[in-house]
Protein backbone atom coordinates (compact mmCIF):
# COMPACT_ATOMS: atom_id res chain seq x y z
CA ALA A 1 0.00 0.00 0.00
CA LEU A 2 2.88 2.36 0.84
CA PHE A 3 4.43 2.09 -2.61
CA SER A 4 1.08 2.07 -4.40
CA ALA A 5 0.33 5.42 -2.78
CA ARG A 6 3.82 6.64 -3.70
CA ASP A 7 3.25 5.75 -7.36
CA ILE A 8 0.12 7.90 -7.48
CA CYS A 9 1.96 11.08 -6.49
CA ALA A 10 5.60 10.26 -7.31
CA ASP A 11 5.88 13.36 -9.50
CA ARG A 12 5.31 15.51 -6.38
CA ASN A 13 8.33 14.02 -4.57
CA PRO A 14 6.45 12.69 -1.49
CA LEU A 15 8.13 11.55 1.72
CA LEU A 16 7.88 7.76 1.86
CA TYR A 17 7.12 6.92 5.51
CA PRO A 18 7.66 4.70 7.41
CA VAL A 19 10.50 2.48 6.32
CA THR A 20 11.40 0.22 9.24
CA LYS A 21 13.67 -2.75 9.93
CA GLU A 22 10.74 -5.03 8.99
CA ASN A 23 10.33 -3.68 5.45
CA VAL A 24 13.68 -2.08 4.59
CA GLU A 25 14.97 -5.03 2.55
CA THR A 26 11.90 -5.11 0.31
CA ALA A 27 11.69 -1.32 0.22
CA ILE A 28 15.21 -0.65 -1.10
CA PRO A 29 14.70 -1.93 -4.68
CA LYS A 30 11.34 -0.13 -4.94
CA ILE A 31 12.85 3.12 -3.66
CA LYS A 32 15.68 2.86 -6.20
CA GLU A 33 13.13 2.21 -8.94
CA LYS A 34 11.44 5.58 -8.29
CA PRO A 35 13.71 7.66 -6.04
CA THR A 36 11.80 9.64 -3.41
CA PRO A 37 12.73 10.95 0.05
CA VAL A 38 12.50 8.24 2.71
CA GLY A 39 11.32 8.59 6.30
CA ILE A 40 12.81 5.82 8.42
CA ARG A 41 11.41 4.92 11.83
CA GLY A 42 13.25 2.99 14.50
CA GLU A 43 12.40 1.90 18.01
CA SER A 44 15.59 3.61 19.15
CA VAL A 45 18.43 5.79 17.90
CA GLU A 46 20.62 2.68 17.63
CA GLU A 47 18.10 1.09 15.27
CA LEU A 48 18.18 4.20 13.07
CA VAL A 49 21.93 3.79 12.67
CA SER A 50 21.60 0.31 11.18
CA LEU A 51 18.80 1.49 8.87
CA THR A 52 20.66 4.54 7.55
CA THR A 53 23.76 2.40 7.02
CA LYS A 54 21.79 -0.08 4.89
CA LEU A 55 20.20 2.68 2.85
CA LYS A 56 23.53 4.43 2.29
CA GLU A 57 25.12 1.20 1.11
CA ALA A 58 22.26 0.92 -1.39
CA GLY A 59 22.93 4.49 -2.59
CA ILE A 60 19.88 6.02 -0.89
CA GLU A 61 20.74 9.18 1.03
CA ASP A 62 17.61 11.37 0.81
CA VAL A 63 16.54 10.33 4.30
CA VAL A 64 14.56 11.71 7.27
CA LEU A 65 14.93 10.17 10.74
CA ASP A 66 12.19 9.29 13.25
CA PRO A 67 13.62 7.80 16.46
CA GLY A 68 10.16 6.56 17.48
CA SER A 69 9.99 8.65 20.67
CA LYS A 70 6.95 7.76 22.77
CA ASN A 71 6.74 10.86 24.97
CA LEU A 72 8.10 14.40 25.12
CA LEU A 73 11.02 13.54 27.38
CA GLU A 74 12.18 10.81 25.01
CA ALA A 75 11.68 13.10 22.02
CA ILE A 76 13.91 15.83 23.51
CA ARG A 77 16.53 13.23 24.46
CA ASP A 78 16.54 11.55 21.04
CA GLN A 79 16.49 14.72 18.96
CA THR A 80 19.32 16.23 21.01
CA PHE A 81 21.40 13.06 20.85
CA ILE A 82 20.99 12.79 17.07
CA ARG A 83 22.04 16.38 16.43
CA ARG A 84 24.98 16.29 18.83
CA ALA A 85 26.24 13.01 17.41
CA ALA A 86 26.03 14.33 13.85
CA ILE A 87 27.42 17.82 14.41
CA LYS A 88 29.81 17.55 17.34
CA GLN A 89 31.02 14.00 16.80
CA GLY A 90 30.72 13.95 13.01
CA PHE A 91 28.76 10.68 13.15
CA ARG A 92 27.50 10.43 9.57
CA PRO A 93 24.84 7.69 10.01
CA LEU A 94 22.82 10.24 12.03
CA GLY A 95 23.61 13.22 9.82
CA TYR A 96 20.11 13.57 8.39
CA PRO A 97 17.07 15.78 9.11
CA THR A 98 14.63 14.53 11.72
CA ILE A 99 10.85 14.35 11.93
CA ALA A 100 8.76 14.62 15.10
CA PHE A 101 5.09 13.88 15.84
CA PRO A 102 3.68 16.10 18.60
CA CYS A 103 0.26 14.89 17.42
CA PHE A 104 1.08 11.43 18.86
CA ILE A 105 3.09 12.60 21.86
CA ALA A 106 0.55 15.03 23.37
CA GLU A 107 -3.01 14.42 24.46
CA ASN A 108 -4.80 17.62 23.45
CA GLY A 109 -4.43 20.67 21.26
CA LEU A 110 -2.66 22.98 23.70
CA LYS A 111 -0.19 20.34 24.87
CA GLU A 112 0.44 19.36 21.25
CA ILE A 113 1.41 22.92 20.31
CA MET A 114 3.58 23.22 23.42
CA ALA A 115 5.34 19.99 22.44
CA ALA A 116 5.75 21.32 18.88
CA SER A 117 7.26 24.52 20.27
CA ILE A 118 9.83 22.56 22.28
CA LEU A 119 10.71 20.32 19.35
CA ILE A 120 11.18 23.32 17.05
CA ASN A 121 13.83 24.53 19.47
CA LYS A 122 15.25 21.06 19.94
CA PHE A 123 16.30 20.38 16.39
CA ALA A 124 13.33 18.65 14.68
CA GLY A 125 13.40 19.40 10.95
CA ILE A 126 9.77 18.43 10.27
CA ILE A 127 6.88 18.82 12.74
CA VAL A 128 3.64 16.89 12.13
CA LEU A 129 0.51 18.37 13.73
CA SER A 130 -3.00 16.97 13.96
CA ASN A 131 -4.54 20.18 12.54
CA PHE A 132 -3.65 23.60 11.20
CA ASP A 133 -5.71 25.73 13.55
CA GLN A 134 -4.64 29.31 12.84
CA TYR A 135 -4.45 30.30 16.51
CA SER A 136 -1.98 27.51 17.18
CA LEU A 137 -0.10 27.56 13.89
CA LEU A 138 0.65 31.30 13.74
CA PRO A 139 2.63 31.56 17.02
CA THR A 140 4.43 28.32 16.14
CA LEU A 141 5.53 29.71 12.78
CA ILE A 142 6.58 33.03 14.35
CA GLN A 143 8.67 31.12 16.88
CA ARG A 144 10.35 29.21 14.05
CA LEU A 145 11.16 32.41 12.18
CA ASN A 146 12.69 34.02 15.27
CA ILE A 147 15.01 31.20 16.36
CA TYR A 148 18.06 32.62 14.64
CA THR A 149 17.50 36.29 15.47
CA ASP A 150 19.39 38.20 18.13
CA PRO A 151 16.89 39.76 20.59
CA ARG A 152 19.36 42.59 21.23
CA PHE A 153 18.94 43.88 17.68
CA PRO A 154 15.73 44.71 15.77
CA MET A 155 15.01 42.58 12.72
CA ALA A 156 16.03 44.49 9.61
CA VAL A 157 16.22 44.04 5.85
CA GLU A 158 19.01 45.02 3.51
CA GLU A 159 19.31 48.66 2.44
CA LYS A 160 18.47 48.85 -1.28
CA TYR A 161 15.47 49.33 -3.56
CA TYR A 162 13.11 46.37 -3.99
CA GLU A 163 10.97 45.69 -7.04
CA VAL A 164 7.36 44.75 -6.32
CA LEU A 165 5.31 43.23 -9.17
CA GLU A 166 7.81 43.96 -11.98
CA PRO A 167 7.74 47.77 -12.06
CA ASP A 168 8.64 49.78 -15.16
CA GLU A 169 10.03 53.26 -15.79
CA TYR A 170 6.72 54.90 -14.90
CA SER A 171 6.05 53.00 -11.66
CA PRO A 172 5.79 54.79 -8.30
CA VAL A 173 8.84 55.06 -6.05
CA LEU A 174 8.36 54.79 -2.28
CA VAL A 175 10.88 55.09 0.53
CA THR A 176 10.66 53.62 4.01
CA SER A 177 12.85 52.38 6.87
CA ASN A 178 14.47 48.96 7.04
CA TRP A 179 12.64 47.58 10.05
CA ALA A 180 11.54 44.16 8.79
CA LEU A 181 7.92 44.59 9.86
CA THR A 182 7.67 47.97 8.13
CA TYR A 183 9.13 46.61 4.90
CA PHE A 184 6.90 43.53 4.79
CA LEU A 185 3.79 45.58 5.55
CA VAL A 186 4.60 48.10 2.83
CA SER A 187 5.60 45.52 0.20
CA SER A 188 2.58 43.28 0.87
CA THR A 189 0.20 46.26 0.76
CA VAL A 190 1.74 47.48 -2.51
CA GLU A 191 1.38 43.98 -3.91
CA ALA A 192 -2.26 43.88 -2.84
CA THR A 193 -2.97 47.09 -4.79
CA LYS A 194 -1.64 45.34 -7.93
CA VAL A 195 0.38 48.48 -8.70
CA PRO A 196 4.02 47.66 -9.59
CA ALA A 197 6.37 49.87 -7.61
CA TYR A 198 9.89 50.40 -6.34
CA VAL A 199 10.19 50.26 -2.56
CA CYS A 200 13.40 51.95 -1.42
CA VAL A 201 14.49 50.73 1.99
CA LYS A 202 16.78 53.11 3.91
CA ASP A 203 19.03 51.67 6.61
CA SER A 204 17.64 52.91 9.93
CA GLU A 205 19.31 50.25 12.10
CA GLY A 206 16.09 48.28 12.19
CA LEU A 207 13.91 51.08 13.57
CA GLY A 208 10.42 52.01 12.36
CA VAL A 209 9.93 55.25 10.45
CA LEU A 210 8.81 57.50 13.33
CA THR A 211 11.35 56.12 15.79
CA ALA A 212 14.11 56.33 13.18
CA TRP A 213 13.21 59.96 12.42
CA ALA A 214 13.25 60.83 16.13
CA ALA A 215 16.64 59.13 16.48
CA GLY A 216 18.07 61.04 13.53
CA LYS A 217 18.36 57.94 11.34
CA PHE A 218 15.65 58.87 8.81
CA GLY A 219 16.29 62.52 8.08
CA GLY A 220 16.07 64.41 4.81
CA ASP A 221 19.82 64.50 4.22
CA SER A 222 20.40 60.78 4.87
CA VAL A 223 17.34 59.70 2.85
CA GLY A 224 18.42 61.99 0.00
CA ALA A 225 21.92 60.52 -0.02
CA PHE A 226 20.43 57.03 -0.10
CA ILE A 227 18.10 57.82 -3.02
CA LYS A 228 21.06 59.18 -4.98
CA LYS A 229 23.26 56.13 -4.44
CA CYS A 230 20.70 53.28 -4.54
CA GLY A 231 20.24 53.52 -8.32
CA VAL A 232 16.47 53.80 -8.48
CA ALA A 233 16.80 57.06 -10.45
CA ASP A 234 18.21 55.04 -13.33
CA ARG A 235 15.12 52.82 -13.38
CA VAL A 236 12.44 55.50 -13.76
CA LYS A 237 11.85 58.44 -16.10
CA HIS A 238 9.90 60.51 -13.59
CA ARG A 239 11.27 62.20 -10.47
CA LYS A 240 8.49 61.75 -7.95
CA LEU A 241 9.12 60.15 -4.56
CA ILE A 242 6.59 59.05 -1.94
CA ILE A 243 7.65 59.38 1.69
CA PRO A 244 5.80 57.96 4.72
CA GLY A 245 3.14 60.24 6.21
CA LYS A 246 4.77 59.97 9.63
CA ALA A 247 7.96 61.44 8.19
CA ALA A 248 6.23 64.41 6.53
CA ARG A 249 8.58 66.83 8.31
CA ILE A 250 11.55 65.73 6.21
CA LYS A 251 9.89 66.83 2.95
CA GLY A 252 11.63 70.21 2.56
CA GLU A 253 15.00 68.97 3.76
CA LEU A 254 14.76 65.97 1.41
CA GLU A 255 13.95 68.18 -1.59
CA ASP A 256 17.04 70.26 -0.84
CA ALA A 257 19.17 67.11 -0.41
CA LEU A 258 18.01 65.96 -3.84
CA ASN A 259 18.85 69.35 -5.37
CA LEU A 260 15.17 70.06 -6.05
CA GLU A 261 15.29 67.43 -8.81
CA TRP A 262 12.64 65.24 -7.18
CA GLU A 263 9.07 66.11 -6.32
CA ILE A 264 8.35 64.78 -2.83
CA THR A 265 4.84 63.51 -2.10
CA VAL A 266 3.76 62.77 1.46
CA GLY A 267 2.00 59.42 1.53
CA PRO A 268 -0.46 57.95 4.06
CA LYS A 269 0.51 57.70 7.73
CA GLU A 270 -0.47 54.03 7.80
CA THR A 271 0.17 51.32 5.21
CA THR A 272 -3.57 50.63 5.01
CA GLY A 273 -3.95 54.00 3.30
CA LEU A 274 -1.83 52.85 0.36
CA GLY A 275 -4.74 50.79 -0.95
CA LYS A 276 -6.51 53.93 -2.14
CA PHE A 277 -3.54 56.27 -2.47
CA LEU A 278 -1.18 54.25 -4.67
CA PRO A 279 -3.52 53.40 -7.62
CA GLU A 280 -4.51 57.07 -7.90
CA PHE A 281 -0.87 58.18 -7.71
CA ALA A 282 0.14 55.65 -10.38
CA LYS A 283 -2.58 56.90 -12.73
CA LYS A 284 -1.25 60.46 -12.43
CA LEU A 285 2.27 59.25 -13.22
CA LYS A 286 1.18 57.52 -16.40
CA GLY A 287 -1.32 60.19 -17.34
């Protein structure tokens, strides 16, 4: 049944799970016939070693490990042991991604998500949940995205101009700060308007627009210098720049910094206002 199901969706590269010590010998030729990723399950970490060794000898290395942990304590122990053995000891038979099943370890929804949260931190590469309830899934995904961030520094994006929806030489040009949340809100809102645009992101050390302005990191002179050097002027034929509504006070200083070559338009104070503002602005540019 396992391989019959695999044959139905082989073109989508499914994970073939579980391959165990009971079926590994018969599974190897079928896996080699139609190569797909393999999820191997053992009753212990030691059993995984013998399984990965057999698969490697057969030339199968696209493998995911399930140590068969029966409770959360065992899962933490097994996942930690596998990662330490692979990374610190260089033990290649365990040098594969792992999969964990909070849906089998925990008894109810809240405990399942708590178990998932722990296993995200403790090295599991794939987490299998019993459902995708948005109120449980969202904080879990946010946790995953924040694992490798330093809490001492705000999340920031690279200083440069970004193209949203393949803009052309008559597309609007916007400028904002490089706080990650600000950038993603602006770019997603621009995308939702279906108006191609250039979003210029000025390095503000990860601060939002208003905070950056108050800290002297989003002033007219520094924004003007950035617009000159980022290269967006070479991509458009017009010279009209939209600044955030909360930074309206830099308008005059920015015009001077750009040698009065750019017309500065003060945009909405909130990104939600771009939905109405940007299409109308784009029409004027092309009109």
